[in-house]
Amino acid sequence: MIETKEEIGITDEELDKIFSMISRNVKYYRRYNKSKYADKYGRISQERLAELCQVSQSLIANIESERVKQTFSITVIATISKILGIPFEEFFKEHHF
């Protein structure tokens, strides 16, 4: 039997908070980046990140948008983490940039 999110106690509010946290962190680390893929200003465009991750640019845009309820896999976040050179767990932390 597959449990629903209500059965395991995750509320819509908690889920929204997780997605918002990931959205802000992906956007921040893409804009302020020191990986080998960053430009001379320390940025990676959404288009370039999408290309490197082998996903669409619209997926990256939706992940970064706190207004869009975009689901994505852990694999996508792990790939973004690797490309940006940021530890995976940093995307799941509340930062105050």
PDB file of N, CA and C in Angstrom:
ATOM      1  N   MET A   1       0.836  -1.188   0.000  1.00  0.00           N
ATOM      2  CA  MET A   1       0.000   0.000   0.000  1.00  0.00           C
ATOM      3  C   MET A   1       0.880   1.251   0.000  1.00  0.00           C
ATOM      4  N   ILE A   2       0.559   2.174  -0.837  1.00  0.00           N
ATOM      5  CA  ILE A   2       1.291   3.434  -0.919  1.00  0.00           C
ATOM      6  C   ILE A   2       0.619   4.433   0.012  1.00  0.00           C
ATOM      7  N   GLU A   3       1.431   5.031   0.872  1.00  0.00           N
ATOM      8  CA  GLU A   3       0.899   6.028   1.799  1.00  0.00           C
ATOM      9  C   GLU A   3       0.784   7.370   1.100  1.00  0.00           C
ATOM     10  N   THR A   4      -0.242   8.104   1.419  1.00  0.00           N
ATOM     11  CA  THR A   4      -0.374   9.455   0.901  1.00  0.00           C
ATOM     12  C   THR A   4       0.358  10.402   1.837  1.00  0.00           C
ATOM     13  N   LYS A   5       0.582  11.629   1.375  1.00  0.00           N
ATOM     14  CA  LYS A   5       1.304  12.582   2.213  1.00  0.00           C
ATOM     15  C   LYS A   5       0.561  12.892   3.503  1.00  0.00           C
ATOM     16  N   GLU A   6      -0.779  12.826   3.491  1.00  0.00           N
ATOM     17  CA  GLU A   6      -1.549  13.067   4.713  1.00  0.00           C
ATOM     18  C   GLU A   6      -1.313  11.956   5.737  1.00  0.00           C
ATOM     19  N   GLU A   7      -1.178  10.727   5.261  1.00  0.00           N
ATOM     20  CA  GLU A   7      -0.974   9.599   6.152  1.00  0.00           C
ATOM     21  C   GLU A   7       0.392   9.640   6.831  1.00  0.00           C
ATOM     22  N   ILE A   8       1.359  10.255   6.185  1.00  0.00           N
ATOM     23  CA  ILE A   8       2.684  10.326   6.791  1.00  0.00           C
ATOM     24  C   ILE A   8       2.944  11.685   7.439  1.00  0.00           C
ATOM     25  N   GLY A   9       1.984  12.559   7.395  1.00  0.00           N
ATOM     26  CA  GLY A   9       2.059  13.798   8.149  1.00  0.00           C
ATOM     27  C   GLY A   9       2.660  14.998   7.452  1.00  0.00           C
ATOM     28  N   ILE A  10       2.928  14.944   6.168  1.00  0.00           N
ATOM     29  CA  ILE A  10       3.464  16.101   5.465  1.00  0.00           C
ATOM     30  C   ILE A  10       2.297  16.960   4.993  1.00  0.00           C
ATOM     31  N   THR A  11       2.249  18.175   5.492  1.00  0.00           N
ATOM     32  CA  THR A  11       1.168  19.074   5.094  1.00  0.00           C
ATOM     33  C   THR A  11       1.546  19.811   3.812  1.00  0.00           C
ATOM     34  N   ASP A  12       0.558  20.371   3.159  1.00  0.00           N
ATOM     35  CA  ASP A  12       0.829  21.185   1.975  1.00  0.00           C
ATOM     36  C   ASP A  12       1.735  22.364   2.323  1.00  0.00           C
ATOM     37  N   GLU A  13       1.552  22.929   3.486  1.00  0.00           N
ATOM     38  CA  GLU A  13       2.383  24.045   3.935  1.00  0.00           C
ATOM     39  C   GLU A  13       3.844  23.618   4.082  1.00  0.00           C
ATOM     40  N   GLU A  14       4.071  22.455   4.673  1.00  0.00           N
ATOM     41  CA  GLU A  14       5.443  21.950   4.824  1.00  0.00           C
ATOM     42  C   GLU A  14       6.074  21.656   3.469  1.00  0.00           C
ATOM     43  N   LEU A  15       5.294  21.082   2.581  1.00  0.00           N
ATOM     44  CA  LEU A  15       5.790  20.786   1.247  1.00  0.00           C
ATOM     45  C   LEU A  15       6.118  22.074   0.499  1.00  0.00           C
ATOM     46  N   ASP A  16       5.265  23.082   0.612  1.00  0.00           N
ATOM     47  CA  ASP A  16       5.535  24.381  -0.002  1.00  0.00           C
ATOM     48  C   ASP A  16       6.827  24.979   0.520  1.00  0.00           C
ATOM     49  N   LYS A  17       7.076  24.847   1.817  1.00  0.00           N
ATOM     50  CA  LYS A  17       8.300  25.382   2.423  1.00  0.00           C
ATOM     51  C   LYS A  17       9.535  24.680   1.847  1.00  0.00           C
ATOM     52  N   ILE A  18       9.458  23.368   1.679  1.00  0.00           N
ATOM     53  CA  ILE A  18      10.586  22.615   1.116  1.00  0.00           C
ATOM     54  C   ILE A  18      10.862  23.064  -0.311  1.00  0.00           C
ATOM     55  N   PHE A  19       9.813  23.145  -1.138  1.00  0.00           N
ATOM     56  CA  PHE A  19       9.991  23.577  -2.523  1.00  0.00           C
ATOM     57  C   PHE A  19      10.522  25.005  -2.604  1.00  0.00           C
ATOM     58  N   SER A  20      10.033  25.895  -1.746  1.00  0.00           N
ATOM     59  CA  SER A  20      10.518  27.275  -1.737  1.00  0.00           C
ATOM     60  C   SER A  20      11.988  27.346  -1.352  1.00  0.00           C
ATOM     61  N   MET A  21      12.376  26.543  -0.378  1.00  0.00           N
ATOM     62  CA  MET A  21      13.762  26.523   0.070  1.00  0.00           C
ATOM     63  C   MET A  21      14.672  26.048  -1.067  1.00  0.00           C
ATOM     64  N   ILE A  22      14.290  24.972  -1.728  1.00  0.00           N
ATOM     65  CA  ILE A  22      15.080  24.461  -2.844  1.00  0.00           C
ATOM     66  C   ILE A  22      15.121  25.493  -3.970  1.00  0.00           C
ATOM     67  N   SER A  23      13.993  26.118  -4.271  1.00  0.00           N
ATOM     68  CA  SER A  23      13.933  27.140  -5.324  1.00  0.00           C
ATOM     69  C   SER A  23      14.924  28.258  -5.071  1.00  0.00           C
ATOM     70  N   ARG A  24      14.879  28.818  -3.868  1.00  0.00           N
ATOM     71  CA  ARG A  24      15.784  29.929  -3.526  1.00  0.00           C
ATOM     72  C   ARG A  24      17.244  29.496  -3.591  1.00  0.00           C
ATOM     73  N   ASN A  25      17.542  28.311  -3.093  1.00  0.00           N
ATOM     74  CA  ASN A  25      18.932  27.850  -3.052  1.00  0.00           C
ATOM     75  C   ASN A  25      19.484  27.557  -4.439  1.00  0.00           C
ATOM     76  N   VAL A  26      18.704  26.917  -5.296  1.00  0.00           N
ATOM     77  CA  VAL A  26      19.167  26.654  -6.663  1.00  0.00           C
ATOM     78  C   VAL A  26      19.440  27.976  -7.369  1.00  0.00           C
ATOM     79  N   LYS A  27      18.517  28.898  -7.250  1.00  0.00           N
ATOM     80  CA  LYS A  27      18.682  30.206  -7.904  1.00  0.00           C
ATOM     81  C   LYS A  27      19.916  30.933  -7.375  1.00  0.00           C
ATOM     82  N   TYR A  28      20.090  30.948  -6.065  1.00  0.00           N
ATOM     83  CA  TYR A  28      21.239  31.634  -5.469  1.00  0.00           C
ATOM     84  C   TYR A  28      22.553  31.009  -5.937  1.00  0.00           C
ATOM     85  N   TYR A  29      22.675  29.707  -5.804  1.00  0.00           N
ATOM     86  CA  TYR A  29      23.936  29.045  -6.139  1.00  0.00           C
ATOM     87  C   TYR A  29      24.229  29.072  -7.639  1.00  0.00           C
ATOM     88  N   ARG A  30      23.201  29.175  -8.463  1.00  0.00           N
ATOM     89  CA  ARG A  30      23.437  29.331  -9.898  1.00  0.00           C
ATOM     90  C   ARG A  30      23.977  30.729 -10.196  1.00  0.00           C
ATOM     91  N   ARG A  31      23.488  31.713  -9.483  1.00  0.00           N
ATOM     92  CA  ARG A  31      23.903  33.108  -9.721  1.00  0.00           C
ATOM     93  C   ARG A  31      25.243  33.446  -9.074  1.00  0.00           C
ATOM     94  N   TYR A  32      25.575  32.782  -7.991  1.00  0.00           N
ATOM     95  CA  TYR A  32      26.827  33.045  -7.263  1.00  0.00           C
ATOM     96  C   TYR A  32      27.589  31.738  -7.183  1.00  0.00           C
ATOM     97  N   ASN A  33      28.390  31.497  -8.211  1.00  0.00           N
ATOM     98  CA  ASN A  33      28.990  30.197  -8.376  1.00  0.00           C
ATOM     99  C   ASN A  33      30.451  30.301  -8.761  1.00  0.00           C
ATOM    100  N   LYS A  34      31.247  29.385  -8.257  1.00  0.00           N
ATOM    101  CA  LYS A  34      32.666  29.380  -8.570  1.00  0.00           C
ATOM    102  C   LYS A  34      33.089  28.087  -9.267  1.00  0.00           C
ATOM    103  N   SER A  35      32.122  27.371  -9.821  1.00  0.00           N
ATOM    104  CA  SER A  35      32.455  26.127 -10.513  1.00  0.00           C
ATOM    105  C   SER A  35      33.160  26.429 -11.833  1.00  0.00           C
ATOM    106  N   LYS A  36      33.698  25.410 -12.436  1.00  0.00           N
ATOM    107  CA  LYS A  36      34.385  25.582 -13.723  1.00  0.00           C
ATOM    108  C   LYS A  36      33.422  25.982 -14.838  1.00  0.00           C
ATOM    109  N   TYR A  37      32.130  25.868 -14.599  1.00  0.00           N
ATOM    110  CA  TYR A  37      31.133  26.207 -15.606  1.00  0.00           C
ATOM    111  C   TYR A  37      30.660  27.659 -15.515  1.00  0.00           C
ATOM    112  N   ALA A  38      31.023  28.345 -14.454  1.00  0.00           N
ATOM    113  CA  ALA A  38      30.570  29.728 -14.254  1.00  0.00           C
ATOM    114  C   ALA A  38      31.292  30.680 -15.204  1.00  0.00           C
ATOM    115  N   ASP A  39      30.620  31.765 -15.544  1.00  0.00           N
ATOM    116  CA  ASP A  39      31.264  32.787 -16.362  1.00  0.00           C
ATOM    117  C   ASP A  39      32.194  33.629 -15.489  1.00  0.00           C
ATOM    118  N   LYS A  40      32.772  34.643 -16.063  1.00  0.00           N
ATOM    119  CA  LYS A  40      33.747  35.443 -15.315  1.00  0.00           C
ATOM    120  C   LYS A  40      33.122  36.209 -14.150  1.00  0.00           C
ATOM    121  N   TYR A  41      31.796  36.312 -14.143  1.00  0.00           N
ATOM    122  CA  TYR A  41      31.088  36.975 -13.050  1.00  0.00           C
ATOM    123  C   TYR A  41      30.590  35.990 -11.993  1.00  0.00           C
ATOM    124  N   GLY A  42      30.889  34.715 -12.179  1.00  0.00           N
ATOM    125  CA  GLY A  42      30.475  33.700 -11.221  1.00  0.00           C
ATOM    126  C   GLY A  42      29.034  33.271 -11.377  1.00  0.00           C
ATOM    127  N   ARG A  43      28.529  33.344 -12.594  1.00  0.00           N
ATOM    128  CA  ARG A  43      27.132  32.972 -12.854  1.00  0.00           C
ATOM    129  C   ARG A  43      27.077  31.854 -13.883  1.00  0.00           C
ATOM    130  N   ILE A  44      25.992  31.113 -13.812  1.00  0.00           N
ATOM    131  CA  ILE A  44      25.660  30.141 -14.850  1.00  0.00           C
ATOM    132  C   ILE A  44      24.229  30.451 -15.264  1.00  0.00           C
ATOM    133  N   SER A  45      24.001  30.598 -16.543  1.00  0.00           N
ATOM    134  CA  SER A  45      22.645  30.890 -17.013  1.00  0.00           C
ATOM    135  C   SER A  45      21.755  29.665 -16.824  1.00  0.00           C
ATOM    136  N   GLN A  46      20.471  29.910 -16.792  1.00  0.00           N
ATOM    137  CA  GLN A  46      19.524  28.795 -16.731  1.00  0.00           C
ATOM    138  C   GLN A  46      19.704  27.878 -17.940  1.00  0.00           C
ATOM    139  N   GLU A  47      19.929  28.478 -19.082  1.00  0.00           N
ATOM    140  CA  GLU A  47      20.101  27.702 -20.304  1.00  0.00           C
ATOM    141  C   GLU A  47      21.320  26.790 -20.207  1.00  0.00           C
ATOM    142  N   ARG A  48      22.429  27.333 -19.722  1.00  0.00           N
ATOM    143  CA  ARG A  48      23.668  26.539 -19.608  1.00  0.00           C
ATOM    144  C   ARG A  48      23.510  25.446 -18.557  1.00  0.00           C
ATOM    145  N   LEU A  49      22.896  25.770 -17.426  1.00  0.00           N
ATOM    146  CA  LEU A  49      22.686  24.765 -16.389  1.00  0.00           C
ATOM    147  C   LEU A  49      21.792  23.644 -16.914  1.00  0.00           C
ATOM    148  N   ALA A  50      20.755  23.996 -17.640  1.00  0.00           N
ATOM    149  CA  ALA A  50      19.864  22.993 -18.217  1.00  0.00           C
ATOM    150  C   ALA A  50      20.617  22.093 -19.190  1.00  0.00           C
ATOM    151  N   GLU A  51      21.432  22.707 -20.021  1.00  0.00           N
ATOM    152  CA  GLU A  51      22.227  21.948 -20.992  1.00  0.00           C
ATOM    153  C   GLU A  51      23.151  20.964 -20.275  1.00  0.00           C
ATOM    154  N   LEU A  52      23.845  21.437 -19.258  1.00  0.00           N
ATOM    155  CA  LEU A  52      24.777  20.586 -18.514  1.00  0.00           C
ATOM    156  C   LEU A  52      24.061  19.457 -17.769  1.00  0.00           C
ATOM    157  N   CYS A  53      22.852  19.739 -17.298  1.00  0.00           N
ATOM    158  CA  CYS A  53      22.066  18.742 -16.550  1.00  0.00           C
ATOM    159  C   CYS A  53      21.227  17.859 -17.472  1.00  0.00           C
ATOM    160  N   GLN A  54      21.206  18.193 -18.750  1.00  0.00           N
ATOM    161  CA  GLN A  54      20.407  17.471 -19.746  1.00  0.00           C
ATOM    162  C   GLN A  54      18.916  17.480 -19.404  1.00  0.00           C
ATOM    163  N   VAL A  55      18.444  18.674 -19.049  1.00  0.00           N
ATOM    164  CA  VAL A  55      17.021  18.910 -18.808  1.00  0.00           C
ATOM    165  C   VAL A  55      16.642  20.175 -19.578  1.00  0.00           C
ATOM    166  N   SER A  56      15.372  20.504 -19.605  1.00  0.00           N
ATOM    167  CA  SER A  56      14.947  21.708 -20.323  1.00  0.00           C
ATOM    168  C   SER A  56      15.203  22.959 -19.480  1.00  0.00           C
ATOM    169  N   GLN A  57      15.370  24.069 -20.175  1.00  0.00           N
ATOM    170  CA  GLN A  57      15.550  25.354 -19.493  1.00  0.00           C
ATOM    171  C   GLN A  57      14.297  25.691 -18.710  1.00  0.00           C
ATOM    172  N   SER A  58      13.140  25.304 -19.221  1.00  0.00           N
ATOM    173  CA  SER A  58      11.897  25.607 -18.515  1.00  0.00           C
ATOM    174  C   SER A  58      11.820  24.846 -17.185  1.00  0.00           C
ATOM    175  N   LEU A  59      12.403  23.657 -17.101  1.00  0.00           N
ATOM    176  CA  LEU A  59      12.434  22.937 -15.828  1.00  0.00           C
ATOM    177  C   LEU A  59      13.273  23.711 -14.817  1.00  0.00           C
ATOM    178  N   ILE A  60      14.439  24.192 -15.223  1.00  0.00           N
ATOM    179  CA  ILE A  60      15.284  24.986 -14.320  1.00  0.00           C
ATOM    180  C   ILE A  60      14.532  26.244 -13.886  1.00  0.00           C
ATOM    181  N   ALA A  61      13.888  26.923 -14.826  1.00  0.00           N
ATOM    182  CA  ALA A  61      13.117  28.132 -14.497  1.00  0.00           C
ATOM    183  C   ALA A  61      12.003  27.808 -13.509  1.00  0.00           C
ATOM    184  N   ASN A  62      11.311  26.706 -13.724  1.00  0.00           N
ATOM    185  CA  ASN A  62      10.224  26.324 -12.824  1.00  0.00           C
ATOM    186  C   ASN A  62      10.738  25.930 -11.444  1.00  0.00           C
ATOM    187  N   ILE A  63      11.864  25.244 -11.386  1.00  0.00           N
ATOM    188  CA  ILE A  63      12.449  24.896 -10.083  1.00  0.00           C
ATOM    189  C   ILE A  63      12.780  26.169  -9.316  1.00  0.00           C
ATOM    190  N   GLU A  64      13.320  27.162 -10.009  1.00  0.00           N
ATOM    191  CA  GLU A  64      13.716  28.418  -9.364  1.00  0.00           C
ATOM    192  C   GLU A  64      12.532  29.318  -9.011  1.00  0.00           C
ATOM    193  N   SER A  65      11.391  29.095  -9.612  1.00  0.00           N
ATOM    194  CA  SER A  65      10.228  29.936  -9.351  1.00  0.00           C
ATOM    195  C   SER A  65       9.466  29.427  -8.132  1.00  0.00           C
ATOM    196  N   GLU A  66       9.287  30.301  -7.160  1.00  0.00           N
ATOM    197  CA  GLU A  66       8.517  29.934  -5.974  1.00  0.00           C
ATOM    198  C   GLU A  66       7.021  29.963  -6.256  1.00  0.00           C
ATOM    199  N   ARG A  67       6.615  30.511  -7.382  1.00  0.00           N
ATOM    200  CA  ARG A  67       5.194  30.576  -7.735  1.00  0.00           C
ATOM    201  C   ARG A  67       4.709  29.334  -8.465  1.00  0.00           C
ATOM    202  N   VAL A  68       5.636  28.603  -9.082  1.00  0.00           N
ATOM    203  CA  VAL A  68       5.272  27.419  -9.857  1.00  0.00           C
ATOM    204  C   VAL A  68       5.458  26.188  -8.980  1.00  0.00           C
ATOM    205  N   LYS A  69       4.456  25.346  -8.939  1.00  0.00           N
ATOM    206  CA  LYS A  69       4.530  24.104  -8.170  1.00  0.00           C
ATOM    207  C   LYS A  69       5.105  23.014  -9.060  1.00  0.00           C
ATOM    208  N   GLN A  70       6.399  23.074  -9.307  1.00  0.00           N
ATOM    209  CA  GLN A  70       7.088  22.136 -10.190  1.00  0.00           C
ATOM    210  C   GLN A  70       7.660  20.992  -9.368  1.00  0.00           C
ATOM    211  N   THR A  71       7.271  19.778  -9.690  1.00  0.00           N
ATOM    212  CA  THR A  71       7.909  18.643  -9.041  1.00  0.00           C
ATOM    213  C   THR A  71       9.152  18.271  -9.839  1.00  0.00           C
ATOM    214  N   PHE A  72      10.095  17.667  -9.173  1.00  0.00           N
ATOM    215  CA  PHE A  72      11.343  17.260  -9.813  1.00  0.00           C
ATOM    216  C   PHE A  72      11.921  16.118  -9.003  1.00  0.00           C
ATOM    217  N   SER A  73      12.814  15.402  -9.614  1.00  0.00           N
ATOM    218  CA  SER A  73      13.393  14.243  -8.947  1.00  0.00           C
ATOM    219  C   SER A  73      14.628  14.621  -8.140  1.00  0.00           C
ATOM    220  N   ILE A  74      14.954  13.772  -7.218  1.00  0.00           N
ATOM    221  CA  ILE A  74      16.192  13.925  -6.451  1.00  0.00           C
ATOM    222  C   ILE A  74      17.386  13.868  -7.404  1.00  0.00           C
ATOM    223  N   THR A  75      17.260  13.087  -8.464  1.00  0.00           N
ATOM    224  CA  THR A  75      18.327  12.981  -9.458  1.00  0.00           C
ATOM    225  C   THR A  75      18.633  14.342 -10.079  1.00  0.00           C
ATOM    226  N   VAL A  76      17.597  15.121 -10.360  1.00  0.00           N
ATOM    227  CA  VAL A  76      17.798  16.459 -10.938  1.00  0.00           C
ATOM    228  C   VAL A  76      18.545  17.344  -9.948  1.00  0.00           C
ATOM    229  N   ILE A  77      18.140  17.337  -8.686  1.00  0.00           N
ATOM    230  CA  ILE A  77      18.829  18.162  -7.683  1.00  0.00           C
ATOM    231  C   ILE A  77      20.261  17.679  -7.475  1.00  0.00           C
ATOM    232  N   ALA A  78      20.470  16.365  -7.489  1.00  0.00           N
ATOM    233  CA  ALA A  78      21.822  15.819  -7.347  1.00  0.00           C
ATOM    234  C   ALA A  78      22.710  16.243  -8.522  1.00  0.00           C
ATOM    235  N   THR A  79      22.143  16.264  -9.720  1.00  0.00           N
ATOM    236  CA  THR A  79      22.893  16.686 -10.894  1.00  0.00           C
ATOM    237  C   THR A  79      23.209  18.176 -10.824  1.00  0.00           C
ATOM    238  N   ILE A  80      22.232  18.982 -10.445  1.00  0.00           N
ATOM    239  CA  ILE A  80      22.469  20.420 -10.267  1.00  0.00           C
ATOM    240  C   ILE A  80      23.569  20.635  -9.231  1.00  0.00           C
ATOM    241  N   SER A  81      23.501  19.904  -8.147  1.00  0.00           N
ATOM    242  CA  SER A  81      24.507  19.985  -7.085  1.00  0.00           C
ATOM    243  C   SER A  81      25.903  19.706  -7.628  1.00  0.00           C
ATOM    244  N   LYS A  82      26.018  18.660  -8.405  1.00  0.00           N
ATOM    245  CA  LYS A  82      27.319  18.280  -8.967  1.00  0.00           C
ATOM    246  C   LYS A  82      27.843  19.338  -9.932  1.00  0.00           C
ATOM    247  N   ILE A  83      26.979  19.827 -10.811  1.00  0.00           N
ATOM    248  CA  ILE A  83      27.389  20.841 -11.789  1.00  0.00           C
ATOM    249  C   ILE A  83      27.819  22.131 -11.091  1.00  0.00           C
ATOM    250  N   LEU A  84      27.050  22.556 -10.087  1.00  0.00           N
ATOM    251  CA  LEU A  84      27.365  23.810  -9.392  1.00  0.00           C
ATOM    252  C   LEU A  84      28.490  23.657  -8.377  1.00  0.00           C
ATOM    253  N   GLY A  85      28.842  22.415  -8.050  1.00  0.00           N
ATOM    254  CA  GLY A  85      29.899  22.190  -7.067  1.00  0.00           C
ATOM    255  C   GLY A  85      29.459  22.533  -5.655  1.00  0.00           C
ATOM    256  N   ILE A  86      28.187  22.346  -5.386  1.00  0.00           N
ATOM    257  CA  ILE A  86      27.597  22.659  -4.081  1.00  0.00           C
ATOM    258  C   ILE A  86      27.156  21.344  -3.439  1.00  0.00           C
ATOM    259  N   PRO A  87      27.481  21.109  -2.176  1.00  0.00           N
ATOM    260  CA  PRO A  87      27.018  19.878  -1.527  1.00  0.00           C
ATOM    261  C   PRO A  87      25.495  19.749  -1.608  1.00  0.00           C
ATOM    262  N   PHE A  88      25.041  18.563  -1.935  1.00  0.00           N
ATOM    263  CA  PHE A  88      23.621  18.257  -2.127  1.00  0.00           C
ATOM    264  C   PHE A  88      22.757  18.785  -0.986  1.00  0.00           C
ATOM    265  N   GLU A  89      23.201  18.576   0.237  1.00  0.00           N
ATOM    266  CA  GLU A  89      22.387  18.933   1.403  1.00  0.00           C
ATOM    267  C   GLU A  89      22.167  20.443   1.537  1.00  0.00           C
ATOM    268  N   GLU A  90      22.998  21.252   0.895  1.00  0.00           N
ATOM    269  CA  GLU A  90      22.839  22.711   0.970  1.00  0.00           C
ATOM    270  C   GLU A  90      21.521  23.180   0.356  1.00  0.00           C
ATOM    271  N   PHE A  91      20.985  22.417  -0.576  1.00  0.00           N
ATOM    272  CA  PHE A  91      19.716  22.796  -1.201  1.00  0.00           C
ATOM    273  C   PHE A  91      18.532  22.589  -0.272  1.00  0.00           C
ATOM    274  N   PHE A  92      18.748  21.847   0.806  1.00  0.00           N
ATOM    275  CA  PHE A  92      17.668  21.529   1.753  1.00  0.00           C
ATOM    276  C   PHE A  92      17.839  22.261   3.081  1.00  0.00           C
ATOM    277  N   LYS A  93      18.678  23.304   3.084  1.00  0.00           N
ATOM    278  CA  LYS A  93      18.898  24.099   4.280  1.00  0.00           C
ATOM    279  C   LYS A  93      18.296  25.484   4.094  1.00  0.00           C
ATOM    280  N   GLU A  94      17.802  26.016   5.196  1.00  0.00           N
ATOM    281  CA  GLU A  94      17.265  27.384   5.190  1.00  0.00           C
ATOM    282  C   GLU A  94      18.440  28.340   5.292  1.00  0.00           C
ATOM    283  N   HIS A  95      18.688  29.092   4.243  1.00  0.00           N
ATOM    284  CA  HIS A  95      19.754  30.091   4.225  1.00  0.00           C
ATOM    285  C   HIS A  95      19.127  31.475   4.232  1.00  0.00           C
ATOM    286  N   HIS A  96      19.865  32.415   4.723  1.00  0.00           N
ATOM    287  CA  HIS A  96      19.411  33.816   4.704  1.00  0.00           C
ATOM    288  C   HIS A  96      20.447  34.619   3.925  1.00  0.00           C
ATOM    289  N   PHE A  97      20.359  34.496   2.597  1.00  0.00           N
ATOM    290  CA  PHE A  97      21.316  35.163   1.723  1.00  0.00           C
ATOM    291  C   PHE A  97      21.034  36.625   1.660  1.00  0.00           C
TER     292      PHE A  97
END
